[in-house]
């Protein structure tokens, strides 16, 4: 799994690439542990073709850790197969899932949602 982190005007964007599964979940946990305390974090998932239960656990743990630090978390741009898995486990009820990275700006600038 490749994880790249970049600061944009709105948030810290963590771009994930590759399968998020048992063998790669520790990489996500490690990357999240190294994040600075920040207000907004976006996990960009367009290059993640597959997620298993270990990957979901790592993603949920990341959301929990960021929120414990007082941050906001958004998932964006999941592929249809990953989006189905996220919906199947009810993750969109816990954390917003946006269709594209471009939607993040309006999401964070909307005072009703943010």
C-alpha atoms as a PDB file:
ATOM      1  CA  UNK A   1       0.000   0.000   0.000  1.00  0.00           C
ATOM      2  CA  UNK A   2       1.204   3.462  -0.844  1.00  0.00           C
ATOM      3  CA  UNK A   3       0.156   6.318   1.412  1.00  0.00           C
ATOM      4  CA  UNK A   4       0.902   9.901   0.487  1.00  0.00           C
ATOM      5  CA  UNK A   5       0.013  12.793   2.748  1.00  0.00           C
ATOM      6  CA  UNK A   6      -0.320  16.375   1.609  1.00  0.00           C
ATOM      7  CA  UNK A   7      -1.639  19.517   3.238  1.00  0.00           C
ATOM      8  CA  UNK A   8      -4.202  21.406   1.171  1.00  0.00           C
ATOM      9  CA  UNK A   9      -6.013  24.590   2.082  1.00  0.00           C
ATOM     10  CA  UNK A  10      -8.950  22.680   3.524  1.00  0.00           C
ATOM     11  CA  UNK A  11      -7.431  19.560   5.050  1.00  0.00           C
ATOM     12  CA  UNK A  12      -4.656  17.057   5.347  1.00  0.00           C
ATOM     13  CA  UNK A  13      -5.250  14.651   2.442  1.00  0.00           C
ATOM     14  CA  UNK A  14      -4.136  11.033   2.871  1.00  0.00           C
ATOM     15  CA  UNK A  15      -4.168   9.326  -0.516  1.00  0.00           C
ATOM     16  CA  UNK A  16      -4.285   5.563  -0.251  1.00  0.00           C
ATOM     17  CA  UNK A  17      -3.268   3.323  -3.151  1.00  0.00           C
ATOM     18  CA  UNK A  18      -3.482  -0.461  -3.204  1.00  0.00           C
ATOM     19  CA  UNK A  19      -5.486  -3.066  -1.356  1.00  0.00           C
ATOM     20  CA  UNK A  20      -6.442  -2.207   2.214  1.00  0.00           C
ATOM     21  CA  UNK A  21      -6.272  -5.634   3.807  1.00  0.00           C
ATOM     22  CA  UNK A  22      -4.686  -7.683   6.561  1.00  0.00           C
ATOM     23  CA  UNK A  23      -1.163  -7.264   5.185  1.00  0.00           C
ATOM     24  CA  UNK A  24      -1.412  -3.510   4.576  1.00  0.00           C
ATOM     25  CA  UNK A  25      -3.641  -2.357   7.463  1.00  0.00           C
ATOM     26  CA  UNK A  26      -0.607  -1.879   9.756  1.00  0.00           C
ATOM     27  CA  UNK A  27       0.780   0.636   7.254  1.00  0.00           C
ATOM     28  CA  UNK A  28      -2.379   2.737   7.584  1.00  0.00           C
ATOM     29  CA  UNK A  29      -2.261   2.501  11.372  1.00  0.00           C
ATOM     30  CA  UNK A  30       1.370   3.606  11.354  1.00  0.00           C
ATOM     31  CA  UNK A  31       0.679   6.522   8.993  1.00  0.00           C
ATOM     32  CA  UNK A  32      -2.227   7.743  11.131  1.00  0.00           C
ATOM     33  CA  UNK A  33      -0.143   7.469  14.293  1.00  0.00           C
ATOM     34  CA  UNK A  34       2.372   9.805  12.664  1.00  0.00           C
ATOM     35  CA  UNK A  35      -0.154  12.460  11.681  1.00  0.00           C
ATOM     36  CA  UNK A  36       0.160  15.822  13.368  1.00  0.00           C
ATOM     37  CA  UNK A  37      -2.779  17.016  15.417  1.00  0.00           C
ATOM     38  CA  UNK A  38      -4.906  18.643  12.755  1.00  0.00           C
ATOM     39  CA  UNK A  39      -8.459  19.791  12.347  1.00  0.00           C
ATOM     40  CA  UNK A  40      -9.428  18.042   9.131  1.00  0.00           C
ATOM     41  CA  UNK A  41      -8.286  14.820   7.509  1.00  0.00           C
ATOM     42  CA  UNK A  42      -9.461  13.378   4.202  1.00  0.00           C
ATOM     43  CA  UNK A  43      -8.826   9.781   3.180  1.00  0.00           C
ATOM     44  CA  UNK A  44      -8.839   9.713  -0.630  1.00  0.00           C
ATOM     45  CA  UNK A  45      -9.702   6.156  -1.714  1.00  0.00           C
ATOM     46  CA  UNK A  46      -9.883   6.290  -5.527  1.00  0.00           C
ATOM     47  CA  UNK A  47      -6.836   4.010  -5.885  1.00  0.00           C
ATOM     48  CA  UNK A  48      -8.032   1.397  -3.389  1.00  0.00           C
ATOM     49  CA  UNK A  49      -9.547  -1.521  -5.350  1.00  0.00           C
ATOM     50  CA  UNK A  50     -10.222  -3.829  -2.386  1.00  0.00           C
ATOM     51  CA  UNK A  51     -10.948  -3.574   1.343  1.00  0.00           C
ATOM     52  CA  UNK A  52     -11.283  -6.521   3.737  1.00  0.00           C
ATOM     53  CA  UNK A  53     -12.333  -6.619   7.392  1.00  0.00           C
ATOM     54  CA  UNK A  54      -8.812  -5.841   8.619  1.00  0.00           C
ATOM     55  CA  UNK A  55      -8.672  -2.831   6.331  1.00  0.00           C
ATOM     56  CA  UNK A  56     -12.062  -1.647   7.546  1.00  0.00           C
ATOM     57  CA  UNK A  57     -10.867  -2.024  11.122  1.00  0.00           C
ATOM     58  CA  UNK A  58      -7.791   0.075  10.383  1.00  0.00           C
ATOM     59  CA  UNK A  59      -9.913   2.735   8.677  1.00  0.00           C
ATOM     60  CA  UNK A  60     -12.394   2.861  11.571  1.00  0.00           C
ATOM     61  CA  UNK A  61      -9.493   3.023  14.023  1.00  0.00           C
ATOM     62  CA  UNK A  62      -8.019   5.923  12.053  1.00  0.00           C
ATOM     63  CA  UNK A  63     -11.327   7.789  12.180  1.00  0.00           C
ATOM     64  CA  UNK A  64     -11.575   7.208  15.938  1.00  0.00           C
ATOM     65  CA  UNK A  65      -7.996   8.344  16.584  1.00  0.00           C
ATOM     66  CA  UNK A  66      -8.370  11.535  14.539  1.00  0.00           C
ATOM     67  CA  UNK A  67     -11.648  12.380  16.257  1.00  0.00           C
ATOM     68  CA  UNK A  68     -10.057  11.758  19.666  1.00  0.00           C
ATOM     69  CA  UNK A  69      -7.484  14.413  18.709  1.00  0.00           C
ATOM     70  CA  UNK A  70     -10.389  16.800  18.015  1.00  0.00           C
ATOM     71  CA  UNK A  71     -10.278  16.439  14.237  1.00  0.00           C
ATOM     72  CA  UNK A  72     -12.848  15.923  11.530  1.00  0.00           C
ATOM     73  CA  UNK A  73     -12.606  13.055   9.055  1.00  0.00           C
ATOM     74  CA  UNK A  74     -14.020  12.538   5.568  1.00  0.00           C
ATOM     75  CA  UNK A  75     -13.624   9.616   3.182  1.00  0.00           C
ATOM     76  CA  UNK A  76     -13.810  10.431  -0.499  1.00  0.00           C
ATOM     77  CA  UNK A  77     -13.776   8.952  -3.983  1.00  0.00           C
ATOM     78  CA  UNK A  78     -14.184   5.249  -3.182  1.00  0.00           C
ATOM     79  CA  UNK A  79     -14.415   2.911  -6.158  1.00  0.00           C
ATOM     80  CA  UNK A  80     -17.861   1.303  -6.571  1.00  0.00           C
ATOM     81  CA  UNK A  81     -16.680  -2.011  -5.094  1.00  0.00           C
ATOM     82  CA  UNK A  82     -15.192  -0.298  -2.033  1.00  0.00           C
ATOM     83  CA  UNK A  83     -18.218   1.996  -1.716  1.00  0.00           C
ATOM     84  CA  UNK A  84     -20.473  -1.079  -1.546  1.00  0.00           C
ATOM     85  CA  UNK A  85     -18.408  -2.515   1.294  1.00  0.00           C
ATOM     86  CA  UNK A  86     -18.445   0.802   3.171  1.00  0.00           C
ATOM     87  CA  UNK A  87     -22.219   0.987   2.832  1.00  0.00           C
ATOM     88  CA  UNK A  88     -22.679  -2.672   3.750  1.00  0.00           C
ATOM     89  CA  UNK A  89     -21.014  -2.123   7.122  1.00  0.00           C
ATOM     90  CA  UNK A  90     -22.733   1.232   7.699  1.00  0.00           C
ATOM     91  CA  UNK A  91     -19.590   3.359   7.668  1.00  0.00           C
ATOM     92  CA  UNK A  92     -21.332   6.341   5.992  1.00  0.00           C
ATOM     93  CA  UNK A  93     -23.448   6.668   9.153  1.00  0.00           C
ATOM     94  CA  UNK A  94     -20.242   7.173  11.145  1.00  0.00           C
ATOM     95  CA  UNK A  95     -18.135   9.250   8.777  1.00  0.00           C
ATOM     96  CA  UNK A  96     -19.089  11.235   5.660  1.00  0.00           C
ATOM     97  CA  UNK A  97     -18.245   9.554   2.360  1.00  0.00           C
ATOM     98  CA  UNK A  98     -18.033  12.029  -0.516  1.00  0.00           C
ATOM     99  CA  UNK A  99     -17.996  11.025  -4.199  1.00  0.00           C
ATOM    100  CA  UNK A 100     -14.954  13.116  -5.159  1.00  0.00           C
ATOM    101  CA  UNK A 101     -12.050  15.012  -3.624  1.00  0.00           C
ATOM    102  CA  UNK A 102     -13.439  18.215  -5.136  1.00  0.00           C
ATOM    103  CA  UNK A 103     -16.491  17.902  -2.868  1.00  0.00           C
ATOM    104  CA  UNK A 104     -14.346  18.310   0.244  1.00  0.00           C
ATOM    105  CA  UNK A 105     -14.046  22.092  -0.083  1.00  0.00           C
ATOM    106  CA  UNK A 106     -17.799  22.637  -0.109  1.00  0.00           C
ATOM    107  CA  UNK A 107     -18.298  20.059   2.653  1.00  0.00           C
ATOM    108  CA  UNK A 108     -15.925  21.811   5.036  1.00  0.00           C
ATOM    109  CA  UNK A 109     -17.118  25.307   4.088  1.00  0.00           C
ATOM    110  CA  UNK A 110     -20.814  24.471   4.753  1.00  0.00           C
ATOM    111  CA  UNK A 111     -21.453  25.711   8.317  1.00  0.00           C
ATOM    112  CA  UNK A 112     -24.397  23.322   8.744  1.00  0.00           C
ATOM    113  CA  UNK A 113     -22.235  20.245   8.065  1.00  0.00           C
ATOM    114  CA  UNK A 114     -18.831  21.335   9.369  1.00  0.00           C
END
